[in-house]
Amino acid sequence: MSTELKSVIMIEGVDRVFANKTEANEYLRRPKIKEALMALTDGNEEFTDWLVENNATIKDAMGAGAIRRVTKSDHKKIDAAFEAMAASGEKAYAWLIENREEIEVKYRPQPRLNDEQKISVASEAIQDIDESSEDMAKWCLDNNEALLEAFSAGKPKRPVSPKATEALAKWREEQKALKEAK
């Protein structure tokens, strides 16, 4: 019999155990997200629940066509790393090797899309969720900014430090001066 210790996050008054802090924070933010979405959907609880359940997929769909910073050389490095893990035969890498296709999908280079293509791809991705309607996809795309803002509800917003703002302004002036000097 082997014993394994595992760190988990528990929240007082909640009958659920969370694997990590991110998961726990998302659970705590959920009511704020739902409140923001209820205001956005004019109180449509069924649609709001659907948006909350599928927020990760919707956010991914809205980012369709965005340039992913994965070059062909990065892709080759990923392939080489997977091959090295497979060749090592270590059990610790077994899960990664078994799920290689799903992992690689996230790192597949994408061609640039124009605005029309981005909207089309995003619409199709949203419609693929539970076979949702075209109207739902259109609503999501029309309310893109407000929807993303609602999904961010409850996240602490850290103000930019004045020192950083001043340093950035100074650096931009220096860069502008260098450019004009050329």
N, C-alpha and C. Protein backbone atom coordinates (compact mmCIF):
# COMPACT_ATOMS: atom_id res chain seq x y z
N MET A 1 0.84 -1.17 0.00
CA MET A 1 0.00 0.00 0.00
C MET A 1 0.89 1.24 0.00
N SER A 2 0.61 2.13 -0.91
CA SER A 2 1.40 3.36 -0.97
C SER A 2 0.54 4.53 -0.51
N THR A 3 1.17 5.46 0.13
CA THR A 3 0.48 6.64 0.63
C THR A 3 0.98 7.83 -0.15
N GLU A 4 0.03 8.63 -0.60
CA GLU A 4 0.39 9.82 -1.38
C GLU A 4 -0.20 11.04 -0.71
N LEU A 5 0.64 12.02 -0.45
CA LEU A 5 0.18 13.29 0.11
C LEU A 5 -0.15 14.23 -1.03
N LYS A 6 -1.22 14.97 -0.84
CA LYS A 6 -1.65 15.88 -1.88
C LYS A 6 -2.10 17.19 -1.24
N SER A 7 -1.66 18.30 -1.79
CA SER A 7 -2.11 19.60 -1.30
C SER A 7 -3.40 19.97 -2.00
N VAL A 8 -4.35 20.43 -1.23
CA VAL A 8 -5.63 20.86 -1.80
C VAL A 8 -6.03 22.17 -1.15
N ILE A 9 -6.97 22.85 -1.76
CA ILE A 9 -7.50 24.10 -1.23
C ILE A 9 -8.94 23.84 -0.78
N MET A 10 -9.25 24.26 0.42
CA MET A 10 -10.61 24.15 0.93
C MET A 10 -11.07 25.54 1.35
N ILE A 11 -12.33 25.82 1.12
CA ILE A 11 -12.91 27.10 1.48
C ILE A 11 -13.94 26.85 2.58
N GLU A 12 -13.86 27.65 3.61
CA GLU A 12 -14.79 27.49 4.73
C GLU A 12 -16.23 27.66 4.26
N GLY A 13 -17.07 26.72 4.63
CA GLY A 13 -18.48 26.78 4.27
C GLY A 13 -18.80 26.20 2.90
N VAL A 14 -17.79 25.69 2.21
CA VAL A 14 -18.00 25.10 0.88
C VAL A 14 -17.66 23.62 0.95
N ASP A 15 -18.58 22.78 0.49
CA ASP A 15 -18.37 21.32 0.54
C ASP A 15 -17.66 20.82 -0.70
N ARG A 16 -16.60 21.48 -1.08
CA ARG A 16 -15.88 21.12 -2.29
C ARG A 16 -14.39 21.31 -2.03
N VAL A 17 -13.58 20.45 -2.62
CA VAL A 17 -12.13 20.53 -2.49
C VAL A 17 -11.58 20.96 -3.85
N PHE A 18 -10.67 21.93 -3.84
CA PHE A 18 -10.11 22.46 -5.07
C PHE A 18 -8.66 21.99 -5.23
N ALA A 19 -8.30 21.66 -6.44
CA ALA A 19 -6.96 21.13 -6.71
C ALA A 19 -5.88 22.21 -6.62
N ASN A 20 -6.26 23.46 -6.93
CA ASN A 20 -5.28 24.53 -6.89
C ASN A 20 -5.95 25.87 -6.56
N LYS A 21 -5.15 26.87 -6.34
CA LYS A 21 -5.65 28.19 -5.94
C LYS A 21 -6.45 28.84 -7.06
N THR A 22 -6.04 28.64 -8.30
CA THR A 22 -6.75 29.21 -9.44
C THR A 22 -8.19 28.71 -9.49
N GLU A 23 -8.35 27.41 -9.31
CA GLU A 23 -9.68 26.80 -9.31
C GLU A 23 -10.55 27.39 -8.19
N ALA A 24 -9.96 27.56 -7.01
CA ALA A 24 -10.69 28.11 -5.86
C ALA A 24 -11.08 29.56 -6.13
N ASN A 25 -10.16 30.34 -6.69
CA ASN A 25 -10.47 31.74 -7.00
C ASN A 25 -11.57 31.86 -8.04
N GLU A 26 -11.55 30.98 -9.04
CA GLU A 26 -12.60 30.99 -10.06
C GLU A 26 -13.95 30.67 -9.43
N TYR A 27 -13.97 29.75 -8.49
CA TYR A 27 -15.21 29.41 -7.79
C TYR A 27 -15.73 30.61 -7.01
N LEU A 28 -14.83 31.33 -6.35
CA LEU A 28 -15.22 32.50 -5.57
C LEU A 28 -15.68 33.66 -6.46
N ARG A 29 -15.12 33.76 -7.66
CA ARG A 29 -15.50 34.83 -8.59
C ARG A 29 -16.81 34.55 -9.31
N ARG A 30 -17.22 33.30 -9.34
CA ARG A 30 -18.39 32.89 -10.12
C ARG A 30 -19.65 33.73 -9.85
N PRO A 31 -20.01 34.03 -8.58
CA PRO A 31 -21.20 34.86 -8.35
C PRO A 31 -21.08 36.27 -8.95
N LYS A 32 -19.88 36.84 -8.91
CA LYS A 32 -19.67 38.17 -9.48
C LYS A 32 -19.79 38.13 -11.00
N ILE A 33 -19.26 37.07 -11.59
CA ILE A 33 -19.37 36.90 -13.04
C ILE A 33 -20.83 36.75 -13.42
N LYS A 34 -21.54 35.93 -12.67
CA LYS A 34 -22.96 35.70 -12.97
C LYS A 34 -23.75 37.00 -12.83
N GLU A 35 -23.46 37.79 -11.82
CA GLU A 35 -24.14 39.07 -11.61
C GLU A 35 -23.89 40.01 -12.79
N ALA A 36 -22.65 40.09 -13.24
CA ALA A 36 -22.31 40.95 -14.38
C ALA A 36 -23.01 40.46 -15.65
N LEU A 37 -23.06 39.15 -15.83
CA LEU A 37 -23.72 38.60 -17.02
C LEU A 37 -25.23 38.77 -16.96
N MET A 38 -25.82 38.68 -15.77
CA MET A 38 -27.27 38.90 -15.63
C MET A 38 -27.62 40.32 -16.08
N ALA A 39 -26.80 41.28 -15.72
CA ALA A 39 -27.04 42.66 -16.14
C ALA A 39 -26.90 42.78 -17.66
N LEU A 40 -25.93 42.08 -18.21
CA LEU A 40 -25.68 42.14 -19.65
C LEU A 40 -26.78 41.45 -20.46
N THR A 41 -27.33 40.36 -19.92
CA THR A 41 -28.35 39.60 -20.65
C THR A 41 -29.78 40.00 -20.27
N ASP A 42 -29.91 41.12 -19.59
CA ASP A 42 -31.23 41.63 -19.16
C ASP A 42 -31.99 40.61 -18.33
N GLY A 43 -31.28 39.91 -17.45
CA GLY A 43 -31.91 39.01 -16.50
C GLY A 43 -32.27 37.63 -17.04
N ASN A 44 -31.77 37.26 -18.22
CA ASN A 44 -32.06 35.94 -18.79
C ASN A 44 -31.18 34.90 -18.08
N GLU A 45 -31.76 34.24 -17.07
CA GLU A 45 -30.97 33.34 -16.23
C GLU A 45 -30.46 32.11 -16.98
N GLU A 46 -31.26 31.56 -17.86
CA GLU A 46 -30.86 30.37 -18.61
C GLU A 46 -29.64 30.68 -19.51
N PHE A 47 -29.71 31.82 -20.21
CA PHE A 47 -28.61 32.22 -21.09
C PHE A 47 -27.37 32.56 -20.25
N THR A 48 -27.58 33.22 -19.11
CA THR A 48 -26.47 33.57 -18.23
C THR A 48 -25.76 32.32 -17.73
N ASP A 49 -26.53 31.31 -17.31
CA ASP A 49 -25.94 30.06 -16.84
C ASP A 49 -25.13 29.39 -17.95
N TRP A 50 -25.66 29.43 -19.17
CA TRP A 50 -24.96 28.86 -20.33
C TRP A 50 -23.63 29.61 -20.55
N LEU A 51 -23.67 30.93 -20.46
CA LEU A 51 -22.46 31.73 -20.65
C LEU A 51 -21.42 31.42 -19.56
N VAL A 52 -21.88 31.30 -18.32
CA VAL A 52 -20.96 31.00 -17.22
C VAL A 52 -20.32 29.63 -17.42
N GLU A 53 -21.13 28.63 -17.77
CA GLU A 53 -20.61 27.26 -17.96
C GLU A 53 -19.62 27.17 -19.11
N ASN A 54 -19.80 28.00 -20.13
CA ASN A 54 -18.98 27.90 -21.34
C ASN A 54 -18.03 29.08 -21.52
N ASN A 55 -17.73 29.81 -20.43
CA ASN A 55 -16.94 31.03 -20.60
C ASN A 55 -15.56 30.79 -21.19
N ALA A 56 -14.90 29.71 -20.82
CA ALA A 56 -13.55 29.44 -21.36
C ALA A 56 -13.62 29.20 -22.87
N THR A 57 -14.60 28.44 -23.30
CA THR A 57 -14.74 28.14 -24.73
C THR A 57 -15.11 29.40 -25.51
N ILE A 58 -15.97 30.21 -24.93
CA ILE A 58 -16.38 31.46 -25.59
C ILE A 58 -15.19 32.41 -25.71
N LYS A 59 -14.41 32.53 -24.63
CA LYS A 59 -13.22 33.40 -24.69
C LYS A 59 -12.24 32.90 -25.75
N ASP A 60 -12.05 31.59 -25.82
CA ASP A 60 -11.17 31.03 -26.85
C ASP A 60 -11.70 31.33 -28.24
N ALA A 61 -13.01 31.19 -28.42
CA ALA A 61 -13.62 31.43 -29.72
C ALA A 61 -13.45 32.89 -30.14
N MET A 62 -13.60 33.79 -29.19
CA MET A 62 -13.46 35.21 -29.51
C MET A 62 -12.02 35.58 -29.83
N GLY A 63 -11.09 34.77 -29.37
CA GLY A 63 -9.69 35.01 -29.69
C GLY A 63 -9.26 34.29 -30.96
N ALA A 64 -10.23 33.70 -31.66
CA ALA A 64 -9.92 32.95 -32.89
C ALA A 64 -9.25 33.88 -33.90
N GLY A 65 -8.22 33.40 -34.51
CA GLY A 65 -7.53 34.19 -35.52
C GLY A 65 -6.47 35.10 -34.94
N ALA A 66 -6.43 35.20 -33.61
CA ALA A 66 -5.38 36.00 -33.00
C ALA A 66 -4.05 35.30 -33.23
N ILE A 67 -3.03 36.07 -33.40
CA ILE A 67 -1.72 35.49 -33.66
C ILE A 67 -1.24 34.79 -32.40
N ARG A 68 -0.96 33.52 -32.53
CA ARG A 68 -0.40 32.76 -31.43
C ARG A 68 1.12 32.78 -31.62
N ARG A 69 1.81 33.01 -30.57
CA ARG A 69 3.25 33.17 -30.66
C ARG A 69 3.96 31.82 -30.67
N VAL A 70 3.62 31.00 -31.63
CA VAL A 70 4.27 29.71 -31.79
C VAL A 70 4.80 29.64 -33.22
N THR A 71 6.10 29.67 -33.33
CA THR A 71 6.71 29.64 -34.65
C THR A 71 6.95 28.19 -35.06
N LYS A 72 7.36 28.01 -36.30
CA LYS A 72 7.66 26.65 -36.76
C LYS A 72 8.83 26.06 -35.97
N SER A 73 9.79 26.91 -35.63
CA SER A 73 10.93 26.41 -34.85
C SER A 73 10.48 26.00 -33.44
N ASP A 74 9.52 26.75 -32.87
CA ASP A 74 8.96 26.36 -31.56
C ASP A 74 8.27 25.00 -31.69
N HIS A 75 7.53 24.83 -32.78
CA HIS A 75 6.82 23.57 -33.01
C HIS A 75 7.80 22.41 -33.12
N LYS A 76 8.93 22.65 -33.78
CA LYS A 76 9.96 21.61 -33.90
C LYS A 76 10.56 21.28 -32.53
N LYS A 77 10.74 22.30 -31.70
CA LYS A 77 11.27 22.07 -30.35
C LYS A 77 10.29 21.24 -29.53
N ILE A 78 9.00 21.52 -29.68
CA ILE A 78 7.97 20.76 -28.96
C ILE A 78 8.02 19.30 -29.40
N ASP A 79 8.12 19.08 -30.73
CA ASP A 79 8.21 17.71 -31.25
C ASP A 79 9.44 17.00 -30.70
N ALA A 80 10.57 17.69 -30.67
CA ALA A 80 11.81 17.09 -30.16
C ALA A 80 11.67 16.76 -28.68
N ALA A 81 11.02 17.61 -27.92
CA ALA A 81 10.83 17.36 -26.49
C ALA A 81 9.95 16.13 -26.26
N PHE A 82 8.89 16.01 -27.05
CA PHE A 82 8.02 14.84 -26.93
C PHE A 82 8.76 13.56 -27.28
N GLU A 83 9.57 13.62 -28.33
CA GLU A 83 10.33 12.44 -28.73
C GLU A 83 11.34 12.05 -27.65
N ALA A 84 11.97 13.05 -27.02
CA ALA A 84 12.93 12.77 -25.95
C ALA A 84 12.22 12.15 -24.74
N MET A 85 11.02 12.66 -24.43
CA MET A 85 10.28 12.09 -23.30
C MET A 85 9.87 10.65 -23.59
N ALA A 86 9.43 10.40 -24.82
CA ALA A 86 9.02 9.04 -25.19
C ALA A 86 10.22 8.09 -25.15
N ALA A 87 11.37 8.56 -25.60
CA ALA A 87 12.57 7.73 -25.63
C ALA A 87 13.09 7.43 -24.22
N SER A 88 12.85 8.34 -23.29
CA SER A 88 13.36 8.14 -21.93
C SER A 88 12.65 6.99 -21.22
N GLY A 89 11.38 6.75 -21.59
CA GLY A 89 10.63 5.65 -20.99
C GLY A 89 10.22 5.89 -19.54
N GLU A 90 10.37 7.11 -19.05
CA GLU A 90 10.00 7.40 -17.66
C GLU A 90 8.49 7.46 -17.50
N LYS A 91 8.01 6.92 -16.38
CA LYS A 91 6.57 6.89 -16.12
C LYS A 91 6.01 8.30 -15.89
N ALA A 92 6.82 9.21 -15.43
CA ALA A 92 6.36 10.57 -15.15
C ALA A 92 5.88 11.28 -16.42
N TYR A 93 6.38 10.86 -17.57
CA TYR A 93 6.02 11.49 -18.84
C TYR A 93 4.87 10.78 -19.55
N ALA A 94 4.39 9.69 -19.00
CA ALA A 94 3.39 8.87 -19.68
C ALA A 94 2.13 9.67 -20.03
N TRP A 95 1.63 10.46 -19.09
CA TRP A 95 0.40 11.22 -19.35
C TRP A 95 0.62 12.22 -20.49
N LEU A 96 1.74 12.91 -20.48
CA LEU A 96 2.03 13.87 -21.55
C LEU A 96 2.10 13.19 -22.91
N ILE A 97 2.74 12.05 -22.95
CA ILE A 97 2.89 11.33 -24.21
C ILE A 97 1.53 10.82 -24.70
N GLU A 98 0.69 10.33 -23.77
CA GLU A 98 -0.64 9.84 -24.15
C GLU A 98 -1.53 10.95 -24.68
N ASN A 99 -1.37 12.16 -24.15
CA ASN A 99 -2.23 13.29 -24.52
C ASN A 99 -1.53 14.28 -25.46
N ARG A 100 -0.57 13.79 -26.18
CA ARG A 100 0.23 14.64 -27.06
C ARG A 100 -0.62 15.40 -28.07
N GLU A 101 -1.58 14.74 -28.69
CA GLU A 101 -2.39 15.39 -29.72
C GLU A 101 -3.16 16.58 -29.16
N GLU A 102 -3.78 16.41 -27.97
CA GLU A 102 -4.54 17.51 -27.38
C GLU A 102 -3.63 18.67 -27.01
N ILE A 103 -2.44 18.35 -26.53
CA ILE A 103 -1.49 19.39 -26.15
C ILE A 103 -0.99 20.13 -27.39
N GLU A 104 -0.69 19.40 -28.44
CA GLU A 104 -0.17 20.01 -29.67
C GLU A 104 -1.20 20.90 -30.35
N VAL A 105 -2.50 20.60 -30.21
CA VAL A 105 -3.53 21.41 -30.83
C VAL A 105 -3.41 22.85 -30.35
N LYS A 106 -3.09 23.04 -29.07
CA LYS A 106 -2.97 24.38 -28.52
C LYS A 106 -1.75 25.11 -29.07
N TYR A 107 -0.79 24.37 -29.58
CA TYR A 107 0.44 24.98 -30.07
C TYR A 107 0.63 24.84 -31.58
N ARG A 108 -0.46 24.68 -32.28
CA ARG A 108 -0.38 24.55 -33.72
C ARG A 108 -0.33 25.95 -34.34
N PRO A 109 0.67 26.23 -35.19
CA PRO A 109 0.72 27.54 -35.83
C PRO A 109 -0.54 27.77 -36.67
N GLN A 110 -1.03 29.01 -36.67
CA GLN A 110 -2.24 29.33 -37.40
C GLN A 110 -1.95 30.38 -38.46
N PRO A 111 -2.64 30.28 -39.59
CA PRO A 111 -2.48 31.33 -40.59
C PRO A 111 -3.18 32.60 -40.13
N ARG A 112 -2.74 33.74 -40.64
CA ARG A 112 -3.40 35.00 -40.30
C ARG A 112 -4.77 35.03 -40.96
N LEU A 113 -5.74 35.54 -40.23
CA LEU A 113 -7.09 35.66 -40.75
C LEU A 113 -7.47 37.13 -40.84
N ASN A 114 -8.26 37.46 -41.86
CA ASN A 114 -8.77 38.83 -41.92
C ASN A 114 -9.96 38.93 -40.97
N ASP A 115 -10.49 40.14 -40.79
CA ASP A 115 -11.57 40.34 -39.81
C ASP A 115 -12.81 39.50 -40.11
N GLU A 116 -13.14 39.38 -41.37
CA GLU A 116 -14.32 38.60 -41.76
C GLU A 116 -14.13 37.12 -41.41
N GLN A 117 -12.94 36.60 -41.66
CA GLN A 117 -12.64 35.20 -41.35
C GLN A 117 -12.64 34.96 -39.84
N LYS A 118 -12.11 35.93 -39.07
CA LYS A 118 -12.09 35.80 -37.62
C LYS A 118 -13.51 35.69 -37.08
N ILE A 119 -14.41 36.54 -37.59
CA ILE A 119 -15.81 36.51 -37.13
C ILE A 119 -16.45 35.18 -37.49
N SER A 120 -16.17 34.69 -38.68
CA SER A 120 -16.74 33.42 -39.12
C SER A 120 -16.25 32.26 -38.26
N VAL A 121 -14.95 32.22 -37.99
CA VAL A 121 -14.37 31.14 -37.18
C VAL A 121 -14.92 31.21 -35.75
N ALA A 122 -14.99 32.42 -35.19
CA ALA A 122 -15.51 32.58 -33.83
C ALA A 122 -16.98 32.16 -33.76
N SER A 123 -17.75 32.55 -34.75
CA SER A 123 -19.17 32.20 -34.78
C SER A 123 -19.35 30.68 -34.84
N GLU A 124 -18.60 30.02 -35.68
CA GLU A 124 -18.68 28.55 -35.79
C GLU A 124 -18.28 27.87 -34.48
N ALA A 125 -17.23 28.39 -33.83
CA ALA A 125 -16.77 27.80 -32.57
C ALA A 125 -17.84 27.94 -31.48
N ILE A 126 -18.50 29.08 -31.43
CA ILE A 126 -19.55 29.29 -30.42
C ILE A 126 -20.76 28.41 -30.74
N GLN A 127 -21.09 28.29 -32.03
CA GLN A 127 -22.22 27.45 -32.42
C GLN A 127 -21.96 25.97 -32.13
N ASP A 128 -20.70 25.56 -32.10
CA ASP A 128 -20.35 24.18 -31.82
C ASP A 128 -20.57 23.80 -30.35
N ILE A 129 -20.68 24.80 -29.47
CA ILE A 129 -20.92 24.54 -28.05
C ILE A 129 -22.37 24.08 -27.92
N ASP A 130 -22.58 22.87 -27.50
CA ASP A 130 -23.94 22.35 -27.28
C ASP A 130 -24.87 22.64 -28.46
N GLU A 131 -24.33 22.71 -29.65
CA GLU A 131 -25.12 23.02 -30.84
C GLU A 131 -25.96 24.28 -30.64
N SER A 132 -25.32 25.34 -30.13
CA SER A 132 -26.02 26.59 -29.87
C SER A 132 -26.43 27.26 -31.18
N SER A 133 -27.34 28.19 -31.07
CA SER A 133 -27.90 28.81 -32.26
C SER A 133 -27.01 29.90 -32.82
N GLU A 134 -27.30 30.26 -34.04
CA GLU A 134 -26.57 31.34 -34.71
C GLU A 134 -26.83 32.66 -34.01
N ASP A 135 -28.05 32.82 -33.47
CA ASP A 135 -28.39 34.05 -32.75
C ASP A 135 -27.54 34.21 -31.50
N MET A 136 -27.28 33.10 -30.80
CA MET A 136 -26.45 33.16 -29.60
C MET A 136 -25.03 33.57 -29.97
N ALA A 137 -24.52 32.99 -31.03
CA ALA A 137 -23.17 33.32 -31.49
C ALA A 137 -23.10 34.79 -31.90
N LYS A 138 -24.11 35.25 -32.62
CA LYS A 138 -24.14 36.66 -33.06
C LYS A 138 -24.18 37.59 -31.85
N TRP A 139 -25.00 37.24 -30.85
CA TRP A 139 -25.09 38.06 -29.65
C TRP A 139 -23.73 38.12 -28.95
N CYS A 140 -23.08 36.99 -28.83
CA CYS A 140 -21.76 36.94 -28.17
C CYS A 140 -20.75 37.81 -28.91
N LEU A 141 -20.76 37.74 -30.23
CA LEU A 141 -19.81 38.52 -31.02
C LEU A 141 -20.15 40.02 -30.98
N ASP A 142 -21.44 40.34 -31.00
CA ASP A 142 -21.86 41.74 -30.95
C ASP A 142 -21.51 42.37 -29.60
N ASN A 143 -21.54 41.57 -28.55
CA ASN A 143 -21.27 42.06 -27.19
C ASN A 143 -19.91 41.58 -26.68
N ASN A 144 -18.99 41.41 -27.59
CA ASN A 144 -17.67 40.87 -27.29
C ASN A 144 -16.99 41.57 -26.12
N GLU A 145 -16.83 42.89 -26.21
CA GLU A 145 -16.11 43.64 -25.17
C GLU A 145 -16.80 43.54 -23.82
N ALA A 146 -18.12 43.74 -23.80
CA ALA A 146 -18.87 43.68 -22.55
C ALA A 146 -18.83 42.28 -21.96
N LEU A 147 -18.87 41.28 -22.81
CA LEU A 147 -18.83 39.89 -22.36
C LEU A 147 -17.48 39.56 -21.72
N LEU A 148 -16.41 39.98 -22.36
CA LEU A 148 -15.07 39.74 -21.80
C LEU A 148 -14.89 40.49 -20.48
N GLU A 149 -15.47 41.69 -20.39
CA GLU A 149 -15.42 42.46 -19.15
C GLU A 149 -16.19 41.73 -18.04
N ALA A 150 -17.35 41.18 -18.39
CA ALA A 150 -18.15 40.43 -17.41
C ALA A 150 -17.41 39.17 -16.95
N PHE A 151 -16.73 38.49 -17.87
CA PHE A 151 -15.97 37.30 -17.51
C PHE A 151 -14.80 37.65 -16.58
N SER A 152 -14.36 38.90 -16.59
CA SER A 152 -13.26 39.35 -15.74
C SER A 152 -13.74 39.88 -14.39
N ALA A 153 -15.06 39.86 -14.17
CA ALA A 153 -15.62 40.39 -12.92
C ALA A 153 -15.01 39.66 -11.73
N GLY A 154 -14.69 40.42 -10.71
CA GLY A 154 -14.15 39.84 -9.49
C GLY A 154 -12.64 39.71 -9.48
N LYS A 155 -12.00 39.96 -10.61
CA LYS A 155 -10.54 39.93 -10.63
C LYS A 155 -10.04 41.25 -10.06
N PRO A 156 -9.08 41.20 -9.17
CA PRO A 156 -8.56 42.46 -8.63
C PRO A 156 -7.82 43.23 -9.73
N LYS A 157 -8.16 44.51 -9.84
CA LYS A 157 -7.50 45.34 -10.85
C LYS A 157 -6.40 46.12 -10.15
N ARG A 158 -5.19 45.85 -10.57
CA ARG A 158 -4.05 46.52 -9.95
C ARG A 158 -3.74 47.79 -10.74
N PRO A 159 -3.68 48.92 -10.04
CA PRO A 159 -3.36 50.16 -10.75
C PRO A 159 -1.89 50.15 -11.19
N VAL A 160 -1.64 50.78 -12.30
CA VAL A 160 -0.27 50.89 -12.80
C VAL A 160 0.46 51.90 -11.94
N SER A 161 1.66 51.56 -11.53
CA SER A 161 2.40 52.46 -10.65
C SER A 161 2.82 53.71 -11.42
N PRO A 162 2.77 54.86 -10.77
CA PRO A 162 3.18 56.11 -11.43
C PRO A 162 4.63 56.06 -11.91
N LYS A 163 5.50 55.39 -11.14
CA LYS A 163 6.90 55.28 -11.54
C LYS A 163 7.03 54.55 -12.88
N ALA A 164 6.26 53.47 -13.03
CA ALA A 164 6.30 52.69 -14.27
C ALA A 164 5.77 53.52 -15.42
N THR A 165 4.71 54.29 -15.21
CA THR A 165 4.14 55.14 -16.25
C THR A 165 5.15 56.19 -16.69
N GLU A 166 5.82 56.82 -15.70
CA GLU A 166 6.83 57.84 -16.02
C GLU A 166 8.01 57.22 -16.77
N ALA A 167 8.45 56.05 -16.32
CA ALA A 167 9.58 55.38 -16.97
C ALA A 167 9.23 55.00 -18.41
N LEU A 168 8.00 54.55 -18.63
CA LEU A 168 7.58 54.19 -19.98
C LEU A 168 7.54 55.43 -20.87
N ALA A 169 7.00 56.53 -20.36
CA ALA A 169 6.94 57.77 -21.13
C ALA A 169 8.34 58.26 -21.48
N LYS A 170 9.25 58.16 -20.52
CA LYS A 170 10.65 58.57 -20.76
C LYS A 170 11.29 57.69 -21.83
N TRP A 171 11.08 56.38 -21.72
CA TRP A 171 11.66 55.45 -22.69
C TRP A 171 11.11 55.72 -24.09
N ARG A 172 9.80 55.97 -24.20
CA ARG A 172 9.19 56.27 -25.50
C ARG A 172 9.78 57.54 -26.11
N GLU A 173 10.01 58.56 -25.27
CA GLU A 173 10.62 59.80 -25.76
C GLU A 173 12.03 59.53 -26.27
N GLU A 174 12.79 58.71 -25.52
CA GLU A 174 14.15 58.36 -25.95
C GLU A 174 14.12 57.62 -27.28
N GLN A 175 13.18 56.67 -27.42
CA GLN A 175 13.08 55.91 -28.66
C GLN A 175 12.69 56.82 -29.82
N LYS A 176 11.80 57.76 -29.57
CA LYS A 176 11.37 58.70 -30.60
C LYS A 176 12.54 59.59 -31.02
N ALA A 177 13.33 60.02 -30.04
CA ALA A 177 14.51 60.86 -30.33
C ALA A 177 15.51 60.07 -31.16
N LEU A 178 15.75 58.81 -30.81
CA LEU A 178 16.68 57.97 -31.57
C LEU A 178 16.20 57.79 -33.01
N LYS A 179 14.90 57.58 -33.17
CA LYS A 179 14.32 57.38 -34.49
C LYS A 179 14.46 58.65 -35.34
N GLU A 180 14.23 59.80 -34.72
CA GLU A 180 14.36 61.08 -35.44
C GLU A 180 15.80 61.41 -35.77
N ALA A 181 16.73 60.93 -34.94
CA ALA A 181 18.16 61.17 -35.19
C ALA A 181 18.67 60.40 -36.38
N LYS A 182 18.02 59.31 -36.71
CA LYS A 182 18.46 58.48 -37.84
C LYS A 182 18.10 59.13 -39.09
